[in-house]
Amino acid sequence: ARTLTFSGDMWDKYEKGLFEKYQNMGIPQEVYERSLTYG
């Protein structure tokens, strides 16, 4: 979505809050990073 739209600044702000929610879910760090890489 970020790549195909223009407003990267809107995604910067949104993704910061979005992924903080996942970081607070108790996902092990290596699983968290591996999942982002796979995505």
Full PDB file with SEQRES, HELIX, SHEET, SSBOND, CRYST1, ORIGX, SCALE, CONECT and MASTER records, all heavy atoms in Angstrom:
SEQRES   1 A   39  ALA ARG THR LEU THR PHE SER GLY ASP MET TRP ASP LYS          
SEQRES   2 A   39  TYR GLU LYS GLY LEU PHE GLU LYS TYR GLN ASN MET GLY          
SEQRES   3 A   39  ILE PRO GLN GLU VAL TYR GLU ARG SER LEU THR TYR GLY          
HELIX    1 AA1 GLY A    8  GLN A   23  1                                  16    
HELIX    2 AA2 GLN A   29  TYR A   38  1                                  10    
CRYST1    1.000    1.000    1.000  90.00  90.00  90.00 P 1           1          
ORIGX1      1.000000  0.000000  0.000000        0.00000                         
ORIGX2      0.000000  1.000000  0.000000        0.00000                         
ORIGX3      0.000000  0.000000  1.000000        0.00000                         
SCALE1      1.000000  0.000000  0.000000        0.00000                         
SCALE2      0.000000  1.000000  0.000000        0.00000                         
SCALE3      0.000000  0.000000  1.000000        0.00000                         
ATOM      1  N   ALA A   1       0.826  -1.210   0.000  1.00  0.00           N  
ATOM      2  CA  ALA A   1       0.000   0.000   0.000  1.00  0.00           C  
ATOM      3  C   ALA A   1       0.860   1.259   0.000  1.00  0.00           C  
ATOM      4  O   ALA A   1       0.589   2.220  -0.725  1.00  0.00           O  
ATOM      5  CB  ALA A   1      -0.928  -0.012   1.214  1.00  0.00           C  
ATOM      6  N   ARG A   2       1.906   1.267   0.815  1.00  0.00           N  
ATOM      7  CA  ARG A   2       2.818   2.412   0.851  1.00  0.00           C  
ATOM      8  C   ARG A   2       3.476   2.633  -0.507  1.00  0.00           C  
ATOM      9  O   ARG A   2       3.590   3.770  -0.983  1.00  0.00           O  
ATOM     10  CB  ARG A   2       3.889   2.169   1.912  1.00  0.00           C  
ATOM     11  CG  ARG A   2       5.054   3.150   1.867  1.00  0.00           C  
ATOM     12  CD  ARG A   2       6.196   2.673   2.732  1.00  0.00           C  
ATOM     13  NE  ARG A   2       5.933   2.872   4.138  1.00  0.00           N  
ATOM     14  CZ  ARG A   2       6.225   4.010   4.783  1.00  0.00           C  
ATOM     15  NH1 ARG A   2       6.765   5.026   4.144  1.00  0.00           N  
ATOM     16  NH2 ARG A   2       5.992   4.107   6.067  1.00  0.00           N  
ATOM     17  N   THR A   3       3.897   1.555  -1.146  1.00  0.00           N  
ATOM     18  CA  THR A   3       4.603   1.659  -2.422  1.00  0.00           C  
ATOM     19  C   THR A   3       3.701   2.194  -3.531  1.00  0.00           C  
ATOM     20  O   THR A   3       4.144   2.965  -4.389  1.00  0.00           O  
ATOM     21  CB  THR A   3       5.169   0.285  -2.832  1.00  0.00           C  
ATOM     22  OG1 THR A   3       6.026  -0.190  -1.786  1.00  0.00           O  
ATOM     23  CG2 THR A   3       5.961   0.377  -4.124  1.00  0.00           C  
ATOM     24  N   LEU A   4       2.432   1.801  -3.520  1.00  0.00           N  
ATOM     25  CA  LEU A   4       1.530   2.155  -4.608  1.00  0.00           C  
ATOM     26  C   LEU A   4       0.787   3.468  -4.389  1.00  0.00           C  
ATOM     27  O   LEU A   4       0.074   3.934  -5.279  1.00  0.00           O  
ATOM     28  CB  LEU A   4       0.521   1.024  -4.840  1.00  0.00           C  
ATOM     29  CG  LEU A   4       1.119  -0.324  -5.262  1.00  0.00           C  
ATOM     30  CD1 LEU A   4       0.013  -1.339  -5.511  1.00  0.00           C  
ATOM     31  CD2 LEU A   4       1.995  -0.189  -6.494  1.00  0.00           C  
ATOM     32  N   THR A   5       0.941   4.073  -3.214  1.00  0.00           N  
ATOM     33  CA  THR A   5       0.351   5.383  -2.955  1.00  0.00           C  
ATOM     34  C   THR A   5       1.458   6.429  -2.879  1.00  0.00           C  
ATOM     35  O   THR A   5       2.637   6.104  -2.974  1.00  0.00           O  
ATOM     36  CB  THR A   5      -0.486   5.365  -1.664  1.00  0.00           C  
ATOM     37  OG1 THR A   5       0.311   4.869  -0.575  1.00  0.00           O  
ATOM     38  CG2 THR A   5      -1.717   4.474  -1.819  1.00  0.00           C  
ATOM     39  N   PHE A   6       1.059   7.678  -2.684  1.00  0.00           N  
ATOM     40  CA  PHE A   6       2.025   8.775  -2.711  1.00  0.00           C  
ATOM     41  C   PHE A   6       2.495   9.230  -1.325  1.00  0.00           C  
ATOM     42  O   PHE A   6       3.641   9.641  -1.160  1.00  0.00           O  
ATOM     43  CB  PHE A   6       1.424   9.992  -3.424  1.00  0.00           C  
ATOM     44  CG  PHE A   6       1.055   9.740  -4.865  1.00  0.00           C  
ATOM     45  CD1 PHE A   6      -0.073  10.342  -5.411  1.00  0.00           C  
ATOM     46  CD2 PHE A   6       1.813   8.906  -5.675  1.00  0.00           C  
ATOM     47  CE1 PHE A   6      -0.418  10.124  -6.738  1.00  0.00           C  
ATOM     48  CE2 PHE A   6       1.476   8.682  -6.995  1.00  0.00           C  
ATOM     49  CZ  PHE A   6       0.347   9.293  -7.531  1.00  0.00           C  
ATOM     50  N   SER A   7       1.599   9.193  -0.355  1.00  0.00           N  
ATOM     51  CA  SER A   7       1.844   9.869   0.920  1.00  0.00           C  
ATOM     52  C   SER A   7       2.589   8.993   1.915  1.00  0.00           C  
ATOM     53  O   SER A   7       2.003   8.476   2.878  1.00  0.00           O  
ATOM     54  CB  SER A   7       0.521  10.350   1.509  1.00  0.00           C  
ATOM     55  OG  SER A   7      -0.092  11.276   0.628  1.00  0.00           O  
ATOM     56  N   GLY A   8       3.885   8.857   1.714  1.00  0.00           N  
ATOM     57  CA  GLY A   8       4.707   8.066   2.617  1.00  0.00           C  
ATOM     58  C   GLY A   8       4.700   8.584   4.030  1.00  0.00           C  
ATOM     59  O   GLY A   8       4.792   7.807   4.994  1.00  0.00           O  
ATOM     60  N   ASP A   9       4.554   9.906   4.193  1.00  0.00           N  
ATOM     61  CA  ASP A   9       4.538  10.474   5.539  1.00  0.00           C  
ATOM     62  C   ASP A   9       3.325  10.005   6.328  1.00  0.00           C  
ATOM     63  O   ASP A   9       3.406   9.806   7.545  1.00  0.00           O  
ATOM     64  CB  ASP A   9       4.563  12.006   5.458  1.00  0.00           C  
ATOM     65  CG  ASP A   9       3.406  12.575   4.650  1.00  0.00           C  
ATOM     66  OD1 ASP A   9       2.963  11.909   3.689  1.00  0.00           O  
ATOM     67  OD2 ASP A   9       2.951  13.689   4.961  1.00  0.00           O  
ATOM     68  N   MET A  10       2.211   9.789   5.633  1.00  0.00           N  
ATOM     69  CA  MET A  10       1.022   9.271   6.317  1.00  0.00           C  
ATOM     70  C   MET A  10       1.272   7.847   6.812  1.00  0.00           C  
ATOM     71  O   MET A  10       0.848   7.474   7.905  1.00  0.00           O  
ATOM     72  CB  MET A  10      -0.190   9.307   5.385  1.00  0.00           C  
ATOM     73  CG  MET A  10      -0.677  10.711   5.049  1.00  0.00           C  
ATOM     74  SD  MET A  10      -2.133  10.716   3.971  1.00  0.00           S  
ATOM     75  CE  MET A  10      -3.404  10.056   5.079  1.00  0.00           C  
ATOM     76  N   TRP A  11       1.969   7.061   6.004  1.00  0.00           N  
ATOM     77  CA  TRP A  11       2.270   5.687   6.408  1.00  0.00           C  
ATOM     78  C   TRP A  11       3.309   5.646   7.522  1.00  0.00           C  
ATOM     79  O   TRP A  11       3.250   4.795   8.405  1.00  0.00           O  
ATOM     80  CB  TRP A  11       2.744   4.873   5.207  1.00  0.00           C  
ATOM     81  CG  TRP A  11       1.628   4.536   4.271  1.00  0.00           C  
ATOM     82  CD1 TRP A  11       1.411   5.029   3.014  1.00  0.00           C  
ATOM     83  CD2 TRP A  11       0.543   3.630   4.525  1.00  0.00           C  
ATOM     84  NE1 TRP A  11       0.266   4.490   2.475  1.00  0.00           N  
ATOM     85  CE2 TRP A  11      -0.280   3.621   3.368  1.00  0.00           C  
ATOM     86  CE3 TRP A  11       0.195   2.827   5.609  1.00  0.00           C  
ATOM     87  CZ2 TRP A  11      -1.432   2.843   3.289  1.00  0.00           C  
ATOM     88  CZ3 TRP A  11      -0.954   2.047   5.525  1.00  0.00           C  
ATOM     89  CH2 TRP A  11      -1.755   2.064   4.379  1.00  0.00           C  
ATOM     90  N   ASP A  12       4.263   6.566   7.504  1.00  0.00           N  
ATOM     91  CA  ASP A  12       5.267   6.620   8.576  1.00  0.00           C  
ATOM     92  C   ASP A  12       4.591   6.736   9.936  1.00  0.00           C  
ATOM     93  O   ASP A  12       4.887   5.975  10.870  1.00  0.00           O  
ATOM     94  CB  ASP A  12       6.199   7.822   8.382  1.00  0.00           C  
ATOM     95  CG  ASP A  12       7.150   7.651   7.215  1.00  0.00           C  
ATOM     96  OD1 ASP A  12       7.370   6.505   6.796  1.00  0.00           O  
ATOM     97  OD2 ASP A  12       7.661   8.668   6.717  1.00  0.00           O  
ATOM     98  N   LYS A  13       3.680   7.658  10.041  1.00  0.00           N  
ATOM     99  CA  LYS A  13       3.001   7.909  11.301  1.00  0.00           C  
ATOM    100  C   LYS A  13       2.125   6.722  11.689  1.00  0.00           C  
ATOM    101  O   LYS A  13       2.121   6.279  12.840  1.00  0.00           O  
ATOM    102  CB  LYS A  13       2.154   9.182  11.188  1.00  0.00           C  
ATOM    103  CG  LYS A  13       1.405   9.544  12.453  1.00  0.00           C  
ATOM    104  CD  LYS A  13       0.609  10.826  12.263  1.00  0.00           C  
ATOM    105  CE  LYS A  13      -0.164  11.176  13.537  1.00  0.00           C  
ATOM    106  NZ  LYS A  13      -0.962  12.421  13.358  1.00  0.00           N  
ATOM    107  N   TYR A  14       1.377   6.206  10.721  1.00  0.00           N  
ATOM    108  CA  TYR A  14       0.447   5.121  11.030  1.00  0.00           C  
ATOM    109  C   TYR A  14       1.180   3.836  11.412  1.00  0.00           C  
ATOM    110  O   TYR A  14       0.828   3.173  12.399  1.00  0.00           O  
ATOM    111  CB  TYR A  14      -0.466   4.849   9.833  1.00  0.00           C  
ATOM    112  CG  TYR A  14      -1.477   3.760  10.123  1.00  0.00           C  
ATOM    113  CD1 TYR A  14      -2.612   4.035  10.864  1.00  0.00           C  
ATOM    114  CD2 TYR A  14      -1.260   2.453   9.692  1.00  0.00           C  
ATOM    115  CE1 TYR A  14      -3.531   3.046  11.173  1.00  0.00           C  
ATOM    116  CE2 TYR A  14      -2.176   1.450   9.995  1.00  0.00           C  
ATOM    117  CZ  TYR A  14      -3.308   1.747  10.734  1.00  0.00           C  
ATOM    118  OH  TYR A  14      -4.203   0.755  11.034  1.00  0.00           O  
ATOM    119  N   GLU A  15       2.191   3.475  10.633  1.00  0.00           N  
ATOM    120  CA  GLU A  15       2.897   2.223  10.898  1.00  0.00           C  
ATOM    121  C   GLU A  15       3.613   2.242  12.248  1.00  0.00           C  
ATOM    122  O   GLU A  15       3.723   1.204  12.913  1.00  0.00           O  
ATOM    123  CB  GLU A  15       3.897   1.933   9.777  1.00  0.00           C  
ATOM    124  CG  GLU A  15       3.244   1.450   8.492  1.00  0.00           C  
ATOM    125  CD  GLU A  15       4.261   1.058   7.451  1.00  0.00           C  
ATOM    126  OE1 GLU A  15       4.999   1.960   6.984  1.00  0.00           O  
ATOM    127  OE2 GLU A  15       4.335  -0.133   7.111  1.00  0.00           O  
ATOM    128  N   LYS A  16       4.086   3.399  12.666  1.00  0.00           N  
ATOM    129  CA  LYS A  16       4.762   3.486  13.963  1.00  0.00           C  
ATOM    130  C   LYS A  16       3.832   3.008  15.083  1.00  0.00           C  
ATOM    131  O   LYS A  16       4.197   2.162  15.910  1.00  0.00           O  
ATOM    132  CB  LYS A  16       5.228   4.920  14.226  1.00  0.00           C  
ATOM    133  CG  LYS A  16       6.011   5.095  15.524  1.00  0.00           C  
ATOM    134  CD  LYS A  16       6.477   6.546  15.669  1.00  0.00           C  
ATOM    135  CE  LYS A  16       7.344   6.726  16.907  1.00  0.00           C  
ATOM    136  NZ  LYS A  16       6.599   6.461  18.157  1.00  0.00           N  
ATOM    137  N   GLY A  17       2.620   3.529  15.084  1.00  0.00           N  
ATOM    138  CA  GLY A  17       1.657   3.130  16.104  1.00  0.00           C  
ATOM    139  C   GLY A  17       1.170   1.704  15.914  1.00  0.00           C  
ATOM    140  O   GLY A  17       0.979   0.966  16.896  1.00  0.00           O  
ATOM    141  N   LEU A  18       1.000   1.294  14.655  1.00  0.00           N  
ATOM    142  CA  LEU A  18       0.497  -0.054  14.359  1.00  0.00           C  
ATOM    143  C   LEU A  18       1.447  -1.124  14.876  1.00  0.00           C  
ATOM    144  O   LEU A  18       1.044  -2.048  15.598  1.00  0.00           O  
ATOM    145  CB  LEU A  18       0.289  -0.211  12.854  1.00  0.00           C  
ATOM    146  CG  LEU A  18      -0.105  -1.607  12.363  1.00  0.00           C  
ATOM    147  CD1 LEU A  18      -1.491  -1.981  12.875  1.00  0.00           C  
ATOM    148  CD2 LEU A  18      -0.052  -1.672  10.837  1.00  0.00           C  
ATOM    149  N   PHE A  19       2.719  -1.015  14.514  1.00  0.00           N  
ATOM    150  CA  PHE A  19       3.660  -2.065  14.871  1.00  0.00           C  
ATOM    151  C   PHE A  19       4.069  -2.035  16.342  1.00  0.00           C  
ATOM    152  O   PHE A  19       4.518  -3.045  16.890  1.00  0.00           O  
ATOM    153  CB  PHE A  19       4.867  -2.043  13.935  1.00  0.00           C  
ATOM    154  CG  PHE A  19       4.485  -2.449  12.529  1.00  0.00           C  
ATOM    155  CD1 PHE A  19       4.572  -1.552  11.482  1.00  0.00           C  
ATOM    156  CD2 PHE A  19       4.014  -3.732  12.272  1.00  0.00           C  
ATOM    157  CE1 PHE A  19       4.190  -1.923  10.194  1.00  0.00           C  
ATOM    158  CE2 PHE A  19       3.634  -4.108  10.989  1.00  0.00           C  
ATOM    159  CZ  PHE A  19       3.716  -3.203   9.951  1.00  0.00           C  
ATOM    160  N   GLU A  20       3.874  -0.893  17.004  1.00  0.00           N  
ATOM    161  CA  GLU A  20       4.072  -0.861  18.453  1.00  0.00           C  
ATOM    162  C   GLU A  20       3.057  -1.776  19.139  1.00  0.00           C  
ATOM    163  O   GLU A  20       3.358  -2.398  20.163  1.00  0.00           O  
ATOM    164  CB  GLU A  20       3.932   0.572  18.970  1.00  0.00           C  
ATOM    165  CG  GLU A  20       5.171   1.416  18.751  1.00  0.00           C  
ATOM    166  CD  GLU A  20       4.983   2.845  19.245  1.00  0.00           C  
ATOM    167  OE1 GLU A  20       3.863   3.173  19.714  1.00  0.00           O  
ATOM    168  OE2 GLU A  20       5.953   3.637  19.165  1.00  0.00           O  
ATOM    169  N   LYS A  21       1.857  -1.849  18.581  1.00  0.00           N  
ATOM    170  CA  LYS A  21       0.829  -2.733  19.147  1.00  0.00           C  
ATOM    171  C   LYS A  21       1.283  -4.190  19.082  1.00  0.00           C  
ATOM    172  O   LYS A  21       1.104  -4.953  20.030  1.00  0.00           O  
ATOM    173  CB  LYS A  21      -0.487  -2.555  18.410  1.00  0.00           C  
ATOM    174  CG  LYS A  21      -1.125  -1.182  18.591  1.00  0.00           C  
ATOM    175  CD  LYS A  21      -2.393  -1.045  17.761  1.00  0.00           C  
ATOM    176  CE  LYS A  21      -2.986   0.350  17.910  1.00  0.00           C  
ATOM    177  NZ  LYS A  21      -4.205   0.522  17.077  1.00  0.00           N  
ATOM    178  N   TYR A  22       1.886  -4.574  17.975  1.00  0.00           N  
ATOM    179  CA  TYR A  22       2.360  -5.956  17.837  1.00  0.00           C  
ATOM    180  C   TYR A  22       3.564  -6.214  18.748  1.00  0.00           C  
ATOM    181  O   TYR A  22       3.719  -7.308  19.293  1.00  0.00           O  
ATOM    182  CB  TYR A  22       2.726  -6.251  16.384  1.00  0.00           C  
ATOM    183  CG  TYR A  22       1.517  -6.378  15.487  1.00  0.00           C  
ATOM    184  CD1 TYR A  22       1.036  -5.290  14.772  1.00  0.00           C  
ATOM    185  CD2 TYR A  22       0.847  -7.592  15.365  1.00  0.00           C  
ATOM    186  CE1 TYR A  22      -0.076  -5.400  13.950  1.00  0.00           C  
ATOM    187  CE2 TYR A  22      -0.269  -7.717  14.552  1.00  0.00           C  
ATOM    188  CZ  TYR A  22      -0.727  -6.614  13.849  1.00  0.00           C  
ATOM    189  OH  TYR A  22      -1.846  -6.725  13.047  1.00  0.00           O  
ATOM    190  N   GLN A  23       4.406  -5.196  18.919  1.00  0.00           N  
ATOM    191  CA  GLN A  23       5.570  -5.363  19.792  1.00  0.00           C  
ATOM    192  C   GLN A  23       5.161  -5.598  21.246  1.00  0.00           C  
ATOM    193  O   GLN A  23       5.915  -6.195  22.009  1.00  0.00           O  
ATOM    194  CB  GLN A  23       6.463  -4.119  19.692  1.00  0.00           C  
ATOM    195  CG  GLN A  23       7.245  -4.032  18.391  1.00  0.00           C  
ATOM    196  CD  GLN A  23       8.039  -2.746  18.287  1.00  0.00           C  
ATOM    197  OE1 GLN A  23       7.623  -1.704  18.790  1.00  0.00           O  
ATOM    198  NE2 GLN A  23       9.193  -2.810  17.633  1.00  0.00           N  
ATOM    199  N   ASN A  24       3.964  -5.152  21.573  1.00  0.00           N  
ATOM    200  CA  ASN A  24       3.482  -5.305  22.948  1.00  0.00           C  
ATOM    201  C   ASN A  24       2.627  -6.553  23.138  1.00  0.00           C  
ATOM    202  O   ASN A  24       1.956  -6.691  24.173  1.00  0.00           O  
ATOM    203  CB  ASN A  24       2.684  -4.063  23.365  1.00  0.00           C  
ATOM    204  CG  ASN A  24       3.555  -2.825  23.471  1.00  0.00           C  
ATOM    205  OD1 ASN A  24       4.716  -2.925  23.871  1.00  0.00           O  
ATOM    206  ND2 ASN A  24       3.014  -1.684  23.108  1.00  0.00           N  
ATOM    207  N   MET A  25       2.644  -7.448  22.175  1.00  0.00           N  
ATOM    208  CA  MET A  25       1.815  -8.656  22.255  1.00  0.00           C  
ATOM    209  C   MET A  25       2.556  -9.869  22.787  1.00  0.00           C  
ATOM    210  O   MET A  25       2.016 -10.974  22.800  1.00  0.00           O  
ATOM    211  CB  MET A  25       1.248  -8.989  20.870  1.00  0.00           C  
ATOM    212  CG  MET A  25       0.185  -8.026  20.384  1.00  0.00           C  
ATOM    213  SD  MET A  25      -0.430  -8.488  18.752  1.00  0.00           S  
ATOM    214  CE  MET A  25      -1.583  -7.139  18.432  1.00  0.00           C  
ATOM    215  N   GLY A  26       3.792  -9.681  23.189  1.00  0.00           N  
ATOM    216  CA  GLY A  26       4.554 -10.800  23.718  1.00  0.00           C  
ATOM    217  C   GLY A  26       5.160 -11.695  22.658  1.00  0.00           C  
ATOM    218  O   GLY A  26       5.499 -12.856  22.926  1.00  0.00           O  
ATOM    219  N   ILE A  27       5.312 -11.154  21.454  1.00  0.00           N  
ATOM    220  CA  ILE A  27       5.948 -11.921  20.378  1.00  0.00           C  
ATOM    221  C   ILE A  27       7.462 -11.905  20.611  1.00  0.00           C  
ATOM    222  O   ILE A  27       8.053 -10.831  20.752  1.00  0.00           O  
ATOM    223  CB  ILE A  27       5.643 -11.304  19.002  1.00  0.00           C  
ATOM    224  CG1 ILE A  27       4.133 -11.177  18.792  1.00  0.00           C  
ATOM    225  CG2 ILE A  27       6.272 -12.119  17.877  1.00  0.00           C  
ATOM    226  CD1 ILE A  27       3.750 -10.375  17.553  1.00  0.00           C  
ATOM    227  N   PRO A  28       8.124 -13.051  20.667  1.00  0.00           N  
ATOM    228  CA  PRO A  28       9.587 -13.064  20.820  1.00  0.00           C  
ATOM    229  C   PRO A  28      10.250 -12.223  19.730  1.00  0.00           C  
ATOM    230  O   PRO A  28       9.784 -12.223  18.579  1.00  0.00           O  
ATOM    231  CB  PRO A  28       9.943 -14.545  20.692  1.00  0.00           C  
ATOM    232  CG  PRO A  28       8.700 -15.266  21.103  1.00  0.00           C  
ATOM    233  CD  PRO A  28       7.565 -14.415  20.620  1.00  0.00           C  
ATOM    234  N   GLN A  29      11.334 -11.547  20.099  1.00  0.00           N  
ATOM    235  CA  GLN A  29      11.960 -10.611  19.170  1.00  0.00           C  
ATOM    236  C   GLN A  29      12.360 -11.268  17.863  1.00  0.00           C  
ATOM    237  O   GLN A  29      12.157 -10.707  16.785  1.00  0.00           O  
ATOM    238  CB  GLN A  29      13.194  -9.971  19.826  1.00  0.00           C  
ATOM    239  CG  GLN A  29      13.903  -8.932  18.970  1.00  0.00           C  
ATOM    240  CD  GLN A  29      13.059  -7.692  18.731  1.00  0.00           C  
ATOM    241  OE1 GLN A  29      11.997  -7.517  19.329  1.00  0.00           O  
ATOM    242  NE2 GLN A  29      13.537  -6.830  17.847  1.00  0.00           N  
ATOM    243  N   GLU A  30      12.933 -12.478  17.943  1.00  0.00           N  
ATOM    244  CA  GLU A  30      13.375 -13.122  16.702  1.00  0.00           C  
ATOM    245  C   GLU A  30      12.179 -13.509  15.826  1.00  0.00           C  
ATOM    246  O   GLU A  30      12.249 -13.450  14.598  1.00  0.00           O  
ATOM    247  CB  GLU A  30      14.247 -14.356  17.015  1.00  0.00           C  
ATOM    248  CG  GLU A  30      13.521 -15.536  17.672  1.00  0.00           C  
ATOM    249  CD  GLU A  30      13.451 -15.420  19.182  1.00  0.00           C  
ATOM    250  OE1 GLU A  30      13.733 -14.317  19.707  1.00  0.00           O  
ATOM    251  OE2 GLU A  30      13.115 -16.440  19.830  1.00  0.00           O  
ATOM    252  N   VAL A  31      11.057 -13.880  16.465  1.00  0.00           N  
ATOM    253  CA  VAL A  31       9.837 -14.206  15.706  1.00  0.00           C  
ATOM    254  C   VAL A  31       9.262 -12.931  15.091  1.00  0.00           C  
ATOM    255  O   VAL A  31       8.813 -12.926  13.932  1.00  0.00           O  
ATOM    256  CB  VAL A  31       8.794 -14.892  16.606  1.00  0.00           C  
ATOM    257  CG1 VAL A  31       7.481 -15.123  15.852  1.00  0.00           C  
ATOM    258  CG2 VAL A  31       9.335 -16.213  17.134  1.00  0.00           C  
ATOM    259  N   TYR A  32       9.286 -11.861  15.861  1.00  0.00           N  
ATOM    260  CA  TYR A  32       8.787 -10.566  15.379  1.00  0.00           C  
ATOM    261  C   TYR A  32       9.536 -10.124  14.119  1.00  0.00           C  
ATOM    262  O   TYR A  32       8.936  -9.801  13.087  1.00  0.00           O  
ATOM    263  CB  TYR A  32       8.934  -9.521  16.487  1.00  0.00           C  
ATOM    264  CG  TYR A  32       8.465  -8.138  16.111  1.00  0.00           C  
ATOM    265  CD1 TYR A  32       7.138  -7.780  16.246  1.00  0.00           C  
ATOM    266  CD2 TYR A  32       9.372  -7.192  15.627  1.00  0.00           C  
ATOM    267  CE1 TYR A  32       6.704  -6.500  15.903  1.00  0.00           C  
ATOM    268  CE2 TYR A  32       8.958  -5.917  15.279  1.00  0.00           C  
ATOM    269  CZ  TYR A  32       7.617  -5.579  15.414  1.00  0.00           C  
ATOM    270  OH  TYR A  32       7.198  -4.318  15.070  1.00  0.00           O  
ATOM    271  N   GLU A  33      10.854 -10.135  14.206  1.00  0.00           N  
ATOM    272  CA  GLU A  33      11.668  -9.695  13.069  1.00  0.00           C  
ATOM    273  C   GLU A  33      11.540 -10.651  11.885  1.00  0.00           C  
ATOM    274  O   GLU A  33      11.481 -10.216  10.726  1.00  0.00           O  
ATOM    275  CB  GLU A  33      13.122  -9.572  13.512  1.00  0.00           C  
ATOM    276  CG  GLU A  33      13.345  -8.454  14.529  1.00  0.00           C  
ATOM    277  CD  GLU A  33      14.784  -8.397  15.026  1.00  0.00           C  
ATOM    278  OE1 GLU A  33      15.578  -9.281  14.640  1.00  0.00           O  
ATOM    279  OE2 GLU A  33      15.096  -7.476  15.813  1.00  0.00           O  
ATOM    280  N   ARG A  34      11.486 -11.931  12.161  1.00  0.00           N  
ATOM    281  CA  ARG A  34      11.351 -12.923  11.086  1.00  0.00           C  
ATOM    282  C   ARG A  34      10.015 -12.754  10.358  1.00  0.00           C  
ATOM    283  O   ARG A  34       9.929 -12.882   9.127  1.00  0.00           O  
ATOM    284  CB  ARG A  34      11.468 -14.326  11.675  1.00  0.00           C  
ATOM    285  CG  ARG A  34      11.448 -15.441  10.631  1.00  0.00           C  
ATOM    286  CD  ARG A  34      11.468 -16.816  11.295  1.00  0.00           C  
ATOM    287  NE  ARG A  34      12.623 -16.961  12.173  1.00  0.00           N  
ATOM    288  CZ  ARG A  34      12.553 -17.280  13.450  1.00  0.00           C  
ATOM    289  NH1 ARG A  34      11.368 -17.526  14.019  1.00  0.00           N  
ATOM    290  NH2 ARG A  34      13.639 -17.397  14.179  1.00  0.00           N  
ATOM    291  N   SER A  35       8.981 -12.457  11.102  1.00  0.00           N  
ATOM    292  CA  SER A  35       7.651 -12.285  10.518  1.00  0.00           C  
ATOM    293  C   SER A  35       7.591 -11.047   9.626  1.00  0.00           C  
ATOM    294  O   SER A  35       7.000 -11.074   8.541  1.00  0.00           O  
ATOM    295  CB  SER A  35       6.602 -12.191  11.628  1.00  0.00           C  
ATOM    296  OG  SER A  35       6.624 -13.351  12.436  1.00  0.00           O  
ATOM    297  N   LEU A  36       8.213  -9.961  10.109  1.00  0.00           N  
ATOM    298  CA  LEU A  36       8.275  -8.751   9.278  1.00  0.00           C  
ATOM    299  C   LEU A  36       9.043  -9.018   7.993  1.00  0.00           C  
ATOM    300  O   LEU A  36       8.644  -8.573   6.905  1.00  0.00           O  
ATOM    301  CB  LEU A  36       8.936  -7.612  10.052  1.00  0.00           C  
ATOM    302  CG  LEU A  36       8.180  -7.032  11.244  1.00  0.00           C  
ATOM    303  CD1 LEU A  36       8.986  -5.894  11.869  1.00  0.00           C  
ATOM    304  CD2 LEU A  36       6.801  -6.530  10.833  1.00  0.00           C  
ATOM    305  N   THR A  37      10.138  -9.754   8.110  1.00  0.00           N  
ATOM    306  CA  THR A  37      10.944 -10.074   6.927  1.00  0.00           C  
ATOM    307  C   THR A  37      10.144 -10.918   5.940  1.00  0.00           C  
ATOM    308  O   THR A  37      10.201 -10.702   4.717  1.00  0.00           O  
ATOM    309  CB  THR A  37      12.220 -10.818   7.339  1.00  0.00           C  
ATOM    310  OG1 THR A  37      12.996  -9.985   8.210  1.00  0.00           O  
ATOM    311  CG2 THR A  37      13.069 -11.190   6.125  1.00  0.00           C  
ATOM    312  N   TYR A  38       9.387 -11.880   6.476  1.00  0.00           N  
ATOM    313  CA  TYR A  38       8.576 -12.710   5.586  1.00  0.00           C  
ATOM    314  C   TYR A  38       7.482 -11.876   4.905  1.00  0.00           C  
ATOM    315  O   TYR A  38       7.237 -12.009   3.708  1.00  0.00           O  
ATOM    316  CB  TYR A  38       7.932 -13.874   6.339  1.00  0.00           C  
ATOM    317  CG  TYR A  38       7.092 -14.731   5.420  1.00  0.00           C  
ATOM    318  CD1 TYR A  38       7.667 -15.428   4.360  1.00  0.00           C  
ATOM    319  CD2 TYR A  38       5.717 -14.804   5.579  1.00  0.00           C  
ATOM    320  CE1 TYR A  38       6.901 -16.179   3.496  1.00  0.00           C  
ATOM    321  CE2 TYR A  38       4.934 -15.560   4.713  1.00  0.00           C  
ATOM    322  CZ  TYR A  38       5.535 -16.245   3.666  1.00  0.00           C  
ATOM    323  OH  TYR A  38       4.772 -16.989   2.797  1.00  0.00           O  
ATOM    324  N   GLY A  39       6.850 -11.001   5.663  1.00  0.00           N  
ATOM    325  CA  GLY A  39       5.838 -10.125   5.069  1.00  0.00           C  
ATOM    326  C   GLY A  39       6.407  -9.281   3.953  1.00  0.00           C  
ATOM    327  O   GLY A  39       5.786  -9.099   2.898  1.00  0.00           O  
TER     328      GLY A  39                                                      
MASTER        0    0    0    2    0    0    0    6  327    1    0    3          
END                                                                             
